Amino acid sequence: MSTETSSATDVAITNTKIALTDVAATKVAALLLQEGRDDLSLRVAVQPGGCSGLRYQLYFDDRSLEGDILKDFSGVGVVTDKMSSPYLMGATIDFVDTIEKQGFTIDNPNAGGSCACGDSFH
């Protein structure tokens, strides 16, 4: 399993094609430290719902499900289930903290379109 780092975007690219930026990895690590938990991973899933048909789920999880794909990004575990993985191929998870917006964002090349609020895609 090779990991490459692109200096232009500062994103680790792995064989699963899901990426977590260094900024997002730092934020996840800080949240886990704040919770006092080192046994959790960031689970990224795609589920039916939202106004465009599919929506992202990001949450901390200590479970390991059959078919899960777990990758490490600077000490932060990111896990996807086998059903969500195809929808997340090539996706980049970032964290933005600006005056206009704060939170995790997902740039997904598989999304054909999204709703105005940005919470769901198709």
PDB file of N, CA and C in Angstrom:
ATOM      1  N   MET A   1       0.835  -1.166   0.000  1.00  0.00           N
ATOM      2  CA  MET A   1       0.000   0.000   0.000  1.00  0.00           C
ATOM      3  C   MET A   1       0.887   1.238   0.000  1.00  0.00           C
ATOM      4  N   SER A   2       0.807   1.993  -1.028  1.00  0.00           N
ATOM      5  CA  SER A   2       1.637   3.185  -1.104  1.00  0.00           C
ATOM      6  C   SER A   2       0.807   4.410  -0.778  1.00  0.00           C
ATOM      7  N   THR A   3       1.482   5.359  -0.193  1.00  0.00           N
ATOM      8  CA  THR A   3       0.842   6.639   0.098  1.00  0.00           C
ATOM      9  C   THR A   3       1.691   7.726  -0.523  1.00  0.00           C
ATOM     10  N   GLU A   4       1.050   8.588  -1.280  1.00  0.00           N
ATOM     11  CA  GLU A   4       1.739   9.703  -1.904  1.00  0.00           C
ATOM     12  C   GLU A   4       1.200  10.985  -1.298  1.00  0.00           C
ATOM     13  N   THR A   5       2.047  12.001  -1.220  1.00  0.00           N
ATOM     14  CA  THR A   5       1.586  13.293  -0.743  1.00  0.00           C
ATOM     15  C   THR A   5       1.777  14.316  -1.842  1.00  0.00           C
ATOM     16  N   SER A   6       0.735  15.041  -2.133  1.00  0.00           N
ATOM     17  CA  SER A   6       0.786  16.084  -3.137  1.00  0.00           C
ATOM     18  C   SER A   6       1.036  17.405  -2.430  1.00  0.00           C
ATOM     19  N   SER A   7       2.181  18.030  -2.680  1.00  0.00           N
ATOM     20  CA  SER A   7       2.505  19.274  -1.992  1.00  0.00           C
ATOM     21  C   SER A   7       1.600  20.423  -2.418  1.00  0.00           C
ATOM     22  N   ALA A   8       1.051  20.342  -3.631  1.00  0.00           N
ATOM     23  CA  ALA A   8       0.196  21.425  -4.103  1.00  0.00           C
ATOM     24  C   ALA A   8      -1.100  21.494  -3.311  1.00  0.00           C
ATOM     25  N   THR A   9      -1.651  20.333  -2.955  1.00  0.00           N
ATOM     26  CA  THR A   9      -2.918  20.335  -2.234  1.00  0.00           C
ATOM     27  C   THR A   9      -2.764  19.842  -0.806  1.00  0.00           C
ATOM     28  N   ASP A  10      -1.593  19.313  -0.460  1.00  0.00           N
ATOM     29  CA  ASP A  10      -1.321  18.832   0.895  1.00  0.00           C
ATOM     30  C   ASP A  10      -2.317  17.750   1.302  1.00  0.00           C
ATOM     31  N   VAL A  11      -2.571  16.805   0.383  1.00  0.00           N
ATOM     32  CA  VAL A  11      -3.531  15.738   0.599  1.00  0.00           C
ATOM     33  C   VAL A  11      -2.830  14.404   0.421  1.00  0.00           C
ATOM     34  N   ALA A  12      -3.069  13.478   1.341  1.00  0.00           N
ATOM     35  CA  ALA A  12      -2.538  12.119   1.201  1.00  0.00           C
ATOM     36  C   ALA A  12      -3.486  11.326   0.318  1.00  0.00           C
ATOM     37  N   ILE A  13      -2.940  10.642  -0.681  1.00  0.00           N
ATOM     38  CA  ILE A  13      -3.738   9.852  -1.601  1.00  0.00           C
ATOM     39  C   ILE A  13      -3.397   8.383  -1.375  1.00  0.00           C
ATOM     40  N   THR A  14      -4.403   7.558  -1.125  1.00  0.00           N
ATOM     41  CA  THR A  14      -4.172   6.142  -0.870  1.00  0.00           C
ATOM     42  C   THR A  14      -4.863   5.297  -1.928  1.00  0.00           C
ATOM     43  N   ASN A  15      -4.682   4.004  -1.824  1.00  0.00           N
ATOM     44  CA  ASN A  15      -5.283   3.088  -2.782  1.00  0.00           C
ATOM     45  C   ASN A  15      -6.809   3.089  -2.739  1.00  0.00           C
ATOM     46  N   THR A  16      -7.421   3.494  -1.650  1.00  0.00           N
ATOM     47  CA  THR A  16      -8.880   3.527  -1.586  1.00  0.00           C
ATOM     48  C   THR A  16      -9.429   4.771  -2.257  1.00  0.00           C
ATOM     49  N   LYS A  17      -8.588   5.682  -2.597  1.00  0.00           N
ATOM     50  CA  LYS A  17      -8.961   6.917  -3.292  1.00  0.00           C
ATOM     51  C   LYS A  17      -9.785   7.879  -2.464  1.00  0.00           C
ATOM     52  N   ILE A  18      -9.900   7.662  -1.170  1.00  0.00           N
ATOM     53  CA  ILE A  18     -10.499   8.662  -0.300  1.00  0.00           C
ATOM     54  C   ILE A  18      -9.342   9.367   0.383  1.00  0.00           C
ATOM     55  N   ALA A  19      -9.439  10.667   0.526  1.00  0.00           N
ATOM     56  CA  ALA A  19      -8.331  11.431   1.091  1.00  0.00           C
ATOM     57  C   ALA A  19      -8.832  12.319   2.225  1.00  0.00           C
ATOM     58  N   LEU A  20      -7.962  12.532   3.191  1.00  0.00           N
ATOM     59  CA  LEU A  20      -8.220  13.419   4.309  1.00  0.00           C
ATOM     60  C   LEU A  20      -7.092  14.436   4.321  1.00  0.00           C
ATOM     61  N   THR A  21      -7.425  15.710   4.209  1.00  0.00           N
ATOM     62  CA  THR A  21      -6.375  16.721   4.207  1.00  0.00           C
ATOM     63  C   THR A  21      -5.712  16.778   5.575  1.00  0.00           C
ATOM     64  N   ASP A  22      -4.523  17.348   5.619  1.00  0.00           N
ATOM     65  CA  ASP A  22      -3.815  17.509   6.892  1.00  0.00           C
ATOM     66  C   ASP A  22      -4.616  18.383   7.856  1.00  0.00           C
ATOM     67  N   VAL A  23      -5.296  19.396   7.336  1.00  0.00           N
ATOM     68  CA  VAL A  23      -6.115  20.276   8.169  1.00  0.00           C
ATOM     69  C   VAL A  23      -7.256  19.482   8.807  1.00  0.00           C
ATOM     70  N   ALA A  24      -7.913  18.638   8.015  1.00  0.00           N
ATOM     71  CA  ALA A  24      -9.004  17.827   8.541  1.00  0.00           C
ATOM     72  C   ALA A  24      -8.488  16.801   9.545  1.00  0.00           C
ATOM     73  N   ALA A  25      -7.352  16.178   9.250  1.00  0.00           N
ATOM     74  CA  ALA A  25      -6.772  15.194  10.176  1.00  0.00           C
ATOM     75  C   ALA A  25      -6.437  15.851  11.509  1.00  0.00           C
ATOM     76  N   THR A  26      -5.897  17.058  11.470  1.00  0.00           N
ATOM     77  CA  THR A  26      -5.578  17.793  12.695  1.00  0.00           C
ATOM     78  C   THR A  26      -6.840  18.100  13.486  1.00  0.00           C
ATOM     79  N   LYS A  27      -7.907  18.497  12.801  1.00  0.00           N
ATOM     80  CA  LYS A  27      -9.168  18.808  13.477  1.00  0.00           C
ATOM     81  C   LYS A  27      -9.771  17.558  14.108  1.00  0.00           C
ATOM     82  N   VAL A  28      -9.757  16.435  13.379  1.00  0.00           N
ATOM     83  CA  VAL A  28     -10.288  15.183  13.918  1.00  0.00           C
ATOM     84  C   VAL A  28      -9.491  14.773  15.152  1.00  0.00           C
ATOM     85  N   ALA A  29      -8.160  14.856  15.074  1.00  0.00           N
ATOM     86  CA  ALA A  29      -7.308  14.504  16.213  1.00  0.00           C
ATOM     87  C   ALA A  29      -7.617  15.389  17.418  1.00  0.00           C
ATOM     88  N   ALA A  30      -7.842  16.677  17.190  1.00  0.00           N
ATOM     89  CA  ALA A  30      -8.158  17.604  18.278  1.00  0.00           C
ATOM     90  C   ALA A  30      -9.507  17.257  18.909  1.00  0.00           C
ATOM     91  N   LEU A  31     -10.494  16.890  18.088  1.00  0.00           N
ATOM     92  CA  LEU A  31     -11.802  16.513  18.615  1.00  0.00           C
ATOM     93  C   LEU A  31     -11.718  15.232  19.440  1.00  0.00           C
ATOM     94  N   LEU A  32     -10.924  14.273  18.970  1.00  0.00           N
ATOM     95  CA  LEU A  32     -10.748  13.032  19.719  1.00  0.00           C
ATOM     96  C   LEU A  32     -10.037  13.280  21.038  1.00  0.00           C
ATOM     97  N   LEU A  33      -9.039  14.164  21.020  1.00  0.00           N
ATOM     98  CA  LEU A  33      -8.319  14.518  22.239  1.00  0.00           C
ATOM     99  C   LEU A  33      -9.265  15.187  23.229  1.00  0.00           C
ATOM    100  N   GLN A  34     -10.105  16.075  22.725  1.00  0.00           N
ATOM    101  CA  GLN A  34     -11.087  16.769  23.552  1.00  0.00           C
ATOM    102  C   GLN A  34     -12.053  15.772  24.196  1.00  0.00           C
ATOM    103  N   GLU A  35     -12.410  14.721  23.468  1.00  0.00           N
ATOM    104  CA  GLU A  35     -13.307  13.689  23.994  1.00  0.00           C
ATOM    105  C   GLU A  35     -12.581  12.711  24.907  1.00  0.00           C
ATOM    106  N   GLY A  36     -11.244  12.739  24.869  1.00  0.00           N
ATOM    107  CA  GLY A  36     -10.471  11.814  25.679  1.00  0.00           C
ATOM    108  C   GLY A  36     -10.539  10.386  25.173  1.00  0.00           C
ATOM    109  N   ARG A  37     -10.726  10.230  23.861  1.00  0.00           N
ATOM    110  CA  ARG A  37     -10.869   8.898  23.272  1.00  0.00           C
ATOM    111  C   ARG A  37      -9.791   8.692  22.217  1.00  0.00           C
ATOM    112  N   ASP A  38      -9.128   7.550  22.290  1.00  0.00           N
ATOM    113  CA  ASP A  38      -8.161   7.210  21.250  1.00  0.00           C
ATOM    114  C   ASP A  38      -8.552   5.916  20.552  1.00  0.00           C
ATOM    115  N   ASP A  39      -9.771   5.433  20.842  1.00  0.00           N
ATOM    116  CA  ASP A  39     -10.254   4.185  20.264  1.00  0.00           C
ATOM    117  C   ASP A  39     -11.267   4.403  19.145  1.00  0.00           C
ATOM    118  N   LEU A  40     -11.454   5.642  18.726  1.00  0.00           N
ATOM    119  CA  LEU A  40     -12.457   5.960  17.716  1.00  0.00           C
ATOM    120  C   LEU A  40     -11.816   6.284  16.369  1.00  0.00           C
ATOM    121  N   SER A  41     -12.551   5.985  15.319  1.00  0.00           N
ATOM    122  CA  SER A  41     -12.166   6.365  13.961  1.00  0.00           C
ATOM    123  C   SER A  41     -13.254   7.268  13.405  1.00  0.00           C
ATOM    124  N   LEU A  42     -12.897   8.046  12.398  1.00  0.00           N
ATOM    125  CA  LEU A  42     -13.887   8.859  11.701  1.00  0.00           C
ATOM    126  C   LEU A  42     -14.542   7.976  10.647  1.00  0.00           C
ATOM    127  N   ARG A  43     -15.818   7.696  10.824  1.00  0.00           N
ATOM    128  CA  ARG A  43     -16.539   6.886   9.851  1.00  0.00           C
ATOM    129  C   ARG A  43     -17.191   7.824   8.833  1.00  0.00           C
ATOM    130  N   VAL A  44     -16.968   7.527   7.558  1.00  0.00           N
ATOM    131  CA  VAL A  44     -17.549   8.296   6.466  1.00  0.00           C
ATOM    132  C   VAL A  44     -18.450   7.341   5.698  1.00  0.00           C
ATOM    133  N   ALA A  45     -19.726   7.689   5.617  1.00  0.00           N
ATOM    134  CA  ALA A  45     -20.686   6.816   4.959  1.00  0.00           C
ATOM    135  C   ALA A  45     -21.579   7.625   4.025  1.00  0.00           C
ATOM    136  N   VAL A  46     -22.175   6.932   3.088  1.00  0.00           N
ATOM    137  CA  VAL A  46     -23.157   7.511   2.182  1.00  0.00           C
ATOM    138  C   VAL A  46     -24.454   6.757   2.430  1.00  0.00           C
ATOM    139  N   GLN A  47     -25.542   7.518   2.665  1.00  0.00           N
ATOM    140  CA  GLN A  47     -26.829   6.896   2.940  1.00  0.00           C
ATOM    141  C   GLN A  47     -27.913   7.581   2.129  1.00  0.00           C
ATOM    142  N   PRO A  48     -28.995   6.851   1.835  1.00  0.00           N
ATOM    143  CA  PRO A  48     -30.116   7.480   1.130  1.00  0.00           C
ATOM    144  C   PRO A  48     -30.682   8.620   1.962  1.00  0.00           C
ATOM    145  N   GLY A  49     -31.096   9.676   1.275  1.00  0.00           N
ATOM    146  CA  GLY A  49     -31.729  10.792   1.970  1.00  0.00           C
ATOM    147  C   GLY A  49     -31.315  12.122   1.387  1.00  0.00           C
ATOM    148  N   GLY A  50     -31.777  13.164   1.984  1.00  0.00           N
ATOM    149  CA  GLY A  50     -31.485  14.508   1.502  1.00  0.00           C
ATOM    150  C   GLY A  50     -32.304  14.843   0.276  1.00  0.00           C
ATOM    151  N   CYS A  51     -32.252  16.064  -0.144  1.00  0.00           N
ATOM    152  CA  CYS A  51     -33.068  16.488  -1.282  1.00  0.00           C
ATOM    153  C   CYS A  51     -32.502  16.049  -2.630  1.00  0.00           C
ATOM    154  N   SER A  52     -31.256  15.577  -2.665  1.00  0.00           N
ATOM    155  CA  SER A  52     -30.678  15.120  -3.932  1.00  0.00           C
ATOM    156  C   SER A  52     -30.573  13.601  -4.029  1.00  0.00           C
ATOM    157  N   GLY A  53     -30.979  12.886  -2.993  1.00  0.00           N
ATOM    158  CA  GLY A  53     -30.998  11.429  -3.067  1.00  0.00           C
ATOM    159  C   GLY A  53     -30.031  10.716  -2.143  1.00  0.00           C
ATOM    160  N   LEU A  54     -28.818  11.234  -1.978  1.00  0.00           N
ATOM    161  CA  LEU A  54     -27.819  10.628  -1.107  1.00  0.00           C
ATOM    162  C   LEU A  54     -27.236  11.697  -0.197  1.00  0.00           C
ATOM    163  N   ARG A  55     -26.872  11.284   1.009  1.00  0.00           N
ATOM    164  CA  ARG A  55     -26.252  12.251   1.919  1.00  0.00           C
ATOM    165  C   ARG A  55     -25.070  11.604   2.625  1.00  0.00           C
ATOM    166  N   TYR A  56     -24.149  12.444   3.021  1.00  0.00           N
ATOM    167  CA  TYR A  56     -22.958  11.990   3.727  1.00  0.00           C
ATOM    168  C   TYR A  56     -23.243  11.884   5.221  1.00  0.00           C
ATOM    169  N   GLN A  57     -22.602  10.909   5.847  1.00  0.00           N
ATOM    170  CA  GLN A  57     -22.627  10.771   7.286  1.00  0.00           C
ATOM    171  C   GLN A  57     -21.178  10.758   7.749  1.00  0.00           C
ATOM    172  N   LEU A  58     -20.808  11.648   8.642  1.00  0.00           N
ATOM    173  CA  LEU A  58     -19.487  11.662   9.260  1.00  0.00           C
ATOM    174  C   LEU A  58     -19.698  11.600  10.762  1.00  0.00           C
ATOM    175  N   TYR A  59     -19.110  10.590  11.385  1.00  0.00           N
ATOM    176  CA  TYR A  59     -19.239  10.468  12.836  1.00  0.00           C
ATOM    177  C   TYR A  59     -18.119   9.592  13.366  1.00  0.00           C
ATOM    178  N   PHE A  60     -17.880   9.698  14.669  1.00  0.00           N
ATOM    179  CA  PHE A  60     -16.872   8.873  15.309  1.00  0.00           C
ATOM    180  C   PHE A  60     -17.483   7.521  15.639  1.00  0.00           C
ATOM    181  N   ASP A  61     -16.695   6.474  15.430  1.00  0.00           N
ATOM    182  CA  ASP A  61     -17.206   5.123  15.610  1.00  0.00           C
ATOM    183  C   ASP A  61     -16.105   4.226  16.165  1.00  0.00           C
ATOM    184  N   ASP A  62     -16.492   3.343  17.082  1.00  0.00           N
ATOM    185  CA  ASP A  62     -15.522   2.386  17.615  1.00  0.00           C
ATOM    186  C   ASP A  62     -15.786   0.977  17.086  1.00  0.00           C
ATOM    187  N   ARG A  63     -16.771   0.856  16.201  1.00  0.00           N
ATOM    188  CA  ARG A  63     -17.118  -0.455  15.647  1.00  0.00           C
ATOM    189  C   ARG A  63     -16.246  -0.804  14.448  1.00  0.00           C
ATOM    190  N   SER A  64     -16.138  -2.095  14.211  1.00  0.00           N
ATOM    191  CA  SER A  64     -15.480  -2.613  13.019  1.00  0.00           C
ATOM    192  C   SER A  64     -16.471  -3.552  12.354  1.00  0.00           C
ATOM    193  N   LEU A  65     -16.961  -3.171  11.190  1.00  0.00           N
ATOM    194  CA  LEU A  65     -17.964  -3.956  10.485  1.00  0.00           C
ATOM    195  C   LEU A  65     -17.305  -4.763   9.369  1.00  0.00           C
ATOM    196  N   GLU A  66     -17.910  -5.879   9.028  1.00  0.00           N
ATOM    197  CA  GLU A  66     -17.372  -6.712   7.950  1.00  0.00           C
ATOM    198  C   GLU A  66     -17.315  -5.909   6.652  1.00  0.00           C
ATOM    199  N   GLY A  67     -16.177  -5.940   6.006  1.00  0.00           N
ATOM    200  CA  GLY A  67     -15.996  -5.220   4.746  1.00  0.00           C
ATOM    201  C   GLY A  67     -15.514  -3.792   4.907  1.00  0.00           C
ATOM    202  N   ASP A  68     -15.344  -3.311   6.142  1.00  0.00           N
ATOM    203  CA  ASP A  68     -14.845  -1.948   6.360  1.00  0.00           C
ATOM    204  C   ASP A  68     -13.463  -1.763   5.756  1.00  0.00           C
ATOM    205  N   ILE A  69     -13.222  -0.567   5.267  1.00  0.00           N
ATOM    206  CA  ILE A  69     -11.908  -0.180   4.772  1.00  0.00           C
ATOM    207  C   ILE A  69     -11.397   0.896   5.713  1.00  0.00           C
ATOM    208  N   LEU A  70     -10.270   0.616   6.375  1.00  0.00           N
ATOM    209  CA  LEU A  70      -9.699   1.545   7.349  1.00  0.00           C
ATOM    210  C   LEU A  70      -8.369   2.056   6.820  1.00  0.00           C
ATOM    211  N   LYS A  71      -8.206   3.360   6.811  1.00  0.00           N
ATOM    212  CA  LYS A  71      -6.952   3.994   6.398  1.00  0.00           C
ATOM    213  C   LYS A  71      -6.514   4.959   7.485  1.00  0.00           C
ATOM    214  N   ASP A  72      -5.205   5.113   7.600  1.00  0.00           N
ATOM    215  CA  ASP A  72      -4.632   6.004   8.594  1.00  0.00           C
ATOM    216  C   ASP A  72      -4.115   7.259   7.909  1.00  0.00           C
ATOM    217  N   PHE A  73      -4.491   8.410   8.439  1.00  0.00           N
ATOM    218  CA  PHE A  73      -4.022   9.699   7.947  1.00  0.00           C
ATOM    219  C   PHE A  73      -3.419  10.447   9.121  1.00  0.00           C
ATOM    220  N   SER A  74      -2.113  10.461   9.217  1.00  0.00           N
ATOM    221  CA  SER A  74      -1.406  11.166  10.291  1.00  0.00           C
ATOM    222  C   SER A  74      -1.913  10.753  11.670  1.00  0.00           C
ATOM    223  N   GLY A  75      -2.144   9.460  11.855  1.00  0.00           N
ATOM    224  CA  GLY A  75      -2.592   8.950  13.144  1.00  0.00           C
ATOM    225  C   GLY A  75      -4.094   8.960  13.342  1.00  0.00           C
ATOM    226  N   VAL A  76      -4.847   9.438  12.353  1.00  0.00           N
ATOM    227  CA  VAL A  76      -6.301   9.470  12.427  1.00  0.00           C
ATOM    228  C   VAL A  76      -6.844   8.359  11.537  1.00  0.00           C
ATOM    229  N   GLY A  77      -7.665   7.488  12.121  1.00  0.00           N
ATOM    230  CA  GLY A  77      -8.279   6.416  11.351  1.00  0.00           C
ATOM    231  C   GLY A  77      -9.534   6.905  10.656  1.00  0.00           C
ATOM    232  N   VAL A  78      -9.638   6.608   9.356  1.00  0.00           N
ATOM    233  CA  VAL A  78     -10.835   6.917   8.581  1.00  0.00           C
ATOM    234  C   VAL A  78     -11.365   5.597   8.052  1.00  0.00           C
ATOM    235  N   VAL A  79     -12.625   5.313   8.356  1.00  0.00           N
ATOM    236  CA  VAL A  79     -13.219   4.044   7.956  1.00  0.00           C
ATOM    237  C   VAL A  79     -14.436   4.287   7.073  1.00  0.00           C
ATOM    238  N   THR A  80     -14.547   3.459   6.030  1.00  0.00           N
ATOM    239  CA  THR A  80     -15.723   3.482   5.161  1.00  0.00           C
ATOM    240  C   THR A  80     -16.254   2.062   5.058  1.00  0.00           C
ATOM    241  N   ASP A  81     -17.554   1.931   4.950  1.00  0.00           N
ATOM    242  CA  ASP A  81     -18.139   0.608   4.794  1.00  0.00           C
ATOM    243  C   ASP A  81     -18.112   0.213   3.316  1.00  0.00           C
ATOM    244  N   LYS A  82     -18.297  -1.077   3.062  1.00  0.00           N
ATOM    245  CA  LYS A  82     -18.168  -1.579   1.695  1.00  0.00           C
ATOM    246  C   LYS A  82     -19.236  -1.037   0.754  1.00  0.00           C
ATOM    247  N   MET A  83     -20.394  -0.650   1.260  1.00  0.00           N
ATOM    248  CA  MET A  83     -21.440  -0.100   0.397  1.00  0.00           C
ATOM    249  C   MET A  83     -21.173   1.365   0.048  1.00  0.00           C
ATOM    250  N   SER A  84     -20.565   2.110   0.963  1.00  0.00           N
ATOM    251  CA  SER A  84     -20.294   3.537   0.726  1.00  0.00           C
ATOM    252  C   SER A  84     -19.038   3.760  -0.090  1.00  0.00           C
ATOM    253  N   SER A  85     -18.106   2.841  -0.002  1.00  0.00           N
ATOM    254  CA  SER A  85     -16.795   3.016  -0.621  1.00  0.00           C
ATOM    255  C   SER A  85     -16.844   3.406  -2.105  1.00  0.00           C
ATOM    256  N   PRO A  86     -17.661   2.751  -2.943  1.00  0.00           N
ATOM    257  CA  PRO A  86     -17.692   3.150  -4.361  1.00  0.00           C
ATOM    258  C   PRO A  86     -18.134   4.599  -4.581  1.00  0.00           C
ATOM    259  N   TYR A  87     -19.017   5.099  -3.728  1.00  0.00           N
ATOM    260  CA  TYR A  87     -19.493   6.476  -3.855  1.00  0.00           C
ATOM    261  C   TYR A  87     -18.430   7.482  -3.424  1.00  0.00           C
ATOM    262  N   LEU A  88     -17.427   7.023  -2.659  1.00  0.00           N
ATOM    263  CA  LEU A  88     -16.428   7.924  -2.092  1.00  0.00           C
ATOM    264  C   LEU A  88     -15.071   7.836  -2.778  1.00  0.00           C
ATOM    265  N   MET A  89     -14.961   7.039  -3.841  1.00  0.00           N
ATOM    266  CA  MET A  89     -13.693   6.913  -4.564  1.00  0.00           C
ATOM    267  C   MET A  89     -13.288   8.272  -5.126  1.00  0.00           C
ATOM    268  N   GLY A  90     -12.118   8.738  -4.743  1.00  0.00           N
ATOM    269  CA  GLY A  90     -11.616  10.019  -5.222  1.00  0.00           C
ATOM    270  C   GLY A  90     -12.055  11.209  -4.395  1.00  0.00           C
ATOM    271  N   ALA A  91     -12.855  10.982  -3.359  1.00  0.00           N
ATOM    272  CA  ALA A  91     -13.359  12.082  -2.537  1.00  0.00           C
ATOM    273  C   ALA A  91     -12.277  12.585  -1.584  1.00  0.00           C
ATOM    274  N   THR A  92     -12.299  13.880  -1.319  1.00  0.00           N
ATOM    275  CA  THR A  92     -11.379  14.518  -0.389  1.00  0.00           C
ATOM    276  C   THR A  92     -12.175  15.170   0.728  1.00  0.00           C
ATOM    277  N   ILE A  93     -11.820  14.822   1.960  1.00  0.00           N
ATOM    278  CA  ILE A  93     -12.460  15.409   3.131  1.00  0.00           C
ATOM    279  C   ILE A  93     -11.547  16.492   3.670  1.00  0.00           C
ATOM    280  N   ASP A  94     -12.101  17.672   3.861  1.00  0.00           N
ATOM    281  CA  ASP A  94     -11.334  18.811   4.349  1.00  0.00           C
ATOM    282  C   ASP A  94     -12.092  19.442   5.514  1.00  0.00           C
ATOM    283  N   PHE A  95     -11.430  20.336   6.205  1.00  0.00           N
ATOM    284  CA  PHE A  95     -12.073  21.118   7.256  1.00  0.00           C
ATOM    285  C   PHE A  95     -11.824  22.582   6.954  1.00  0.00           C
ATOM    286  N   VAL A  96     -12.909  23.359   6.901  1.00  0.00           N
ATOM    287  CA  VAL A  96     -12.782  24.794   6.658  1.00  0.00           C
ATOM    288  C   VAL A  96     -13.198  25.550   7.906  1.00  0.00           C
ATOM    289  N   ASP A  97     -12.519  26.642   8.146  1.00  0.00           N
ATOM    290  CA  ASP A  97     -12.824  27.485   9.301  1.00  0.00           C
ATOM    291  C   ASP A  97     -12.648  28.928   8.865  1.00  0.00           C
ATOM    292  N   THR A  98     -13.726  29.464   8.312  1.00  0.00           N
ATOM    293  CA  THR A  98     -13.704  30.853   7.844  1.00  0.00           C
ATOM    294  C   THR A  98     -14.845  31.608   8.521  1.00  0.00           C
ATOM    295  N   ILE A  99     -14.901  32.883   8.276  1.00  0.00           N
ATOM    296  CA  ILE A  99     -15.970  33.702   8.839  1.00  0.00           C
ATOM    297  C   ILE A  99     -17.324  33.288   8.263  1.00  0.00           C
ATOM    298  N   GLU A 100     -17.323  32.738   7.038  1.00  0.00           N
ATOM    299  CA  GLU A 100     -18.557  32.353   6.378  1.00  0.00           C
ATOM    300  C   GLU A 100     -19.003  30.938   6.705  1.00  0.00           C
ATOM    301  N   LYS A 101     -18.037  30.044   6.986  1.00  0.00           N
ATOM    302  CA  LYS A 101     -18.384  28.636   7.139  1.00  0.00           C
ATOM    303  C   LYS A 101     -17.372  27.928   8.019  1.00  0.00           C
ATOM    304  N   GLN A 102     -17.849  27.006   8.841  1.00  0.00           N
ATOM    305  CA  GLN A 102     -16.961  26.164   9.624  1.00  0.00           C
ATOM    306  C   GLN A 102     -17.502  24.745   9.593  1.00  0.00           C
ATOM    307  N   GLY A 103     -16.629  23.799   9.296  1.00  0.00           N
ATOM    308  CA  GLY A 103     -17.035  22.400   9.320  1.00  0.00           C
ATOM    309  C   GLY A 103     -16.291  21.585   8.292  1.00  0.00           C
ATOM    310  N   PHE A 104     -16.624  20.307   8.283  1.00  0.00           N
ATOM    311  CA  PHE A 104     -16.014  19.384   7.341  1.00  0.00           C
ATOM    312  C   PHE A 104     -16.710  19.504   5.995  1.00  0.00           C
ATOM    313  N   THR A 105     -15.940  19.424   4.939  1.00  0.00           N
ATOM    314  CA  THR A 105     -16.468  19.453   3.582  1.00  0.00           C
ATOM    315  C   THR A 105     -15.983  18.215   2.854  1.00  0.00           C
ATOM    316  N   ILE A 106     -16.757  17.773   1.878  1.00  0.00           N
ATOM    317  CA  ILE A 106     -16.372  16.627   1.062  1.00  0.00           C
ATOM    318  C   ILE A 106     -16.433  17.049  -0.391  1.00  0.00           C
ATOM    319  N   ASP A 107     -15.289  16.971  -1.057  1.00  0.00           N
ATOM    320  CA  ASP A 107     -15.214  17.233  -2.486  1.00  0.00           C
ATOM    321  C   ASP A 107     -15.236  15.866  -3.158  1.00  0.00           C
ATOM    322  N   ASN A 108     -16.345  15.544  -3.808  1.00  0.00           N
ATOM    323  CA  ASN A 108     -16.548  14.211  -4.361  1.00  0.00           C
ATOM    324  C   ASN A 108     -16.735  14.279  -5.878  1.00  0.00           C
ATOM    325  N   PRO A 109     -15.772  13.734  -6.639  1.00  0.00           N
ATOM    326  CA  PRO A 109     -15.902  13.752  -8.095  1.00  0.00           C
ATOM    327  C   PRO A 109     -17.009  12.838  -8.610  1.00  0.00           C
ATOM    328  N   ASN A 110     -17.540  11.951  -7.771  1.00  0.00           N
ATOM    329  CA  ASN A 110     -18.615  11.050  -8.174  1.00  0.00           C
ATOM    330  C   ASN A 110     -19.987  11.708  -8.120  1.00  0.00           C
ATOM    331  N   ALA A 111     -20.072  12.851  -7.468  1.00  0.00           N
ATOM    332  CA  ALA A 111     -21.355  13.534  -7.330  1.00  0.00           C
ATOM    333  C   ALA A 111     -21.718  14.208  -8.644  1.00  0.00           C
ATOM    334  N   GLY A 112     -22.855  13.827  -9.199  1.00  0.00           N
ATOM    335  CA  GLY A 112     -23.325  14.442 -10.437  1.00  0.00           C
ATOM    336  C   GLY A 112     -23.916  15.811 -10.197  1.00  0.00           C
ATOM    337  N   GLY A 113     -24.312  16.078  -8.994  1.00  0.00           N
ATOM    338  CA  GLY A 113     -24.890  17.351  -8.608  1.00  0.00           C
ATOM    339  C   GLY A 113     -25.208  17.306  -7.140  1.00  0.00           C
ATOM    340  N   SER A 114     -25.493  18.466  -6.564  1.00  0.00           N
ATOM    341  CA  SER A 114     -25.834  18.524  -5.144  1.00  0.00           C
ATOM    342  C   SER A 114     -26.945  19.515  -4.938  1.00  0.00           C
ATOM    343  N   CYS A 115     -27.510  19.486  -3.751  1.00  0.00           N
ATOM    344  CA  CYS A 115     -28.566  20.427  -3.413  1.00  0.00           C
ATOM    345  C   CYS A 115     -27.949  21.781  -3.043  1.00  0.00           C
ATOM    346  N   ALA A 116     -28.783  22.764  -2.908  1.00  0.00           N
ATOM    347  CA  ALA A 116     -28.314  24.115  -2.599  1.00  0.00           C
ATOM    348  C   ALA A 116     -27.619  24.187  -1.235  1.00  0.00           C
ATOM    349  N   CYS A 117     -28.095  23.381  -0.277  1.00  0.00           N
ATOM    350  CA  CYS A 117     -27.490  23.429   1.056  1.00  0.00           C
ATOM    351  C   CYS A 117     -26.173  22.650   1.116  1.00  0.00           C
ATOM    352  N   GLY A 118     -25.896  21.803   0.118  1.00  0.00           N
ATOM    353  CA  GLY A 118     -24.648  21.074   0.069  1.00  0.00           C
ATOM    354  C   GLY A 118     -24.601  19.836   0.949  1.00  0.00           C
ATOM    355  N   ASP A 119     -25.743  19.453   1.545  1.00  0.00           N
ATOM    356  CA  ASP A 119     -25.769  18.297   2.439  1.00  0.00           C
ATOM    357  C   ASP A 119     -26.049  16.992   1.718  1.00  0.00           C
ATOM    358  N   SER A 120     -26.515  17.042   0.489  1.00  0.00           N
ATOM    359  CA  SER A 120     -26.779  15.801  -0.227  1.00  0.00           C
ATOM    360  C   SER A 120     -26.332  15.936  -1.671  1.00  0.00           C
ATOM    361  N   PHE A 121     -26.250  14.787  -2.346  1.00  0.00           N
ATOM    362  CA  PHE A 121     -25.763  14.763  -3.727  1.00  0.00           C
ATOM    363  C   PHE A 121     -26.441  13.628  -4.480  1.00  0.00           C
ATOM    364  N   HIS A 122     -26.234  13.614  -5.794  1.00  0.00           N
ATOM    365  CA  HIS A 122     -26.694  12.497  -6.617  1.00  0.00           C
ATOM    366  C   HIS A 122     -25.623  12.152  -7.647  1.00  0.00           C
TER     367      HIS A 122
END
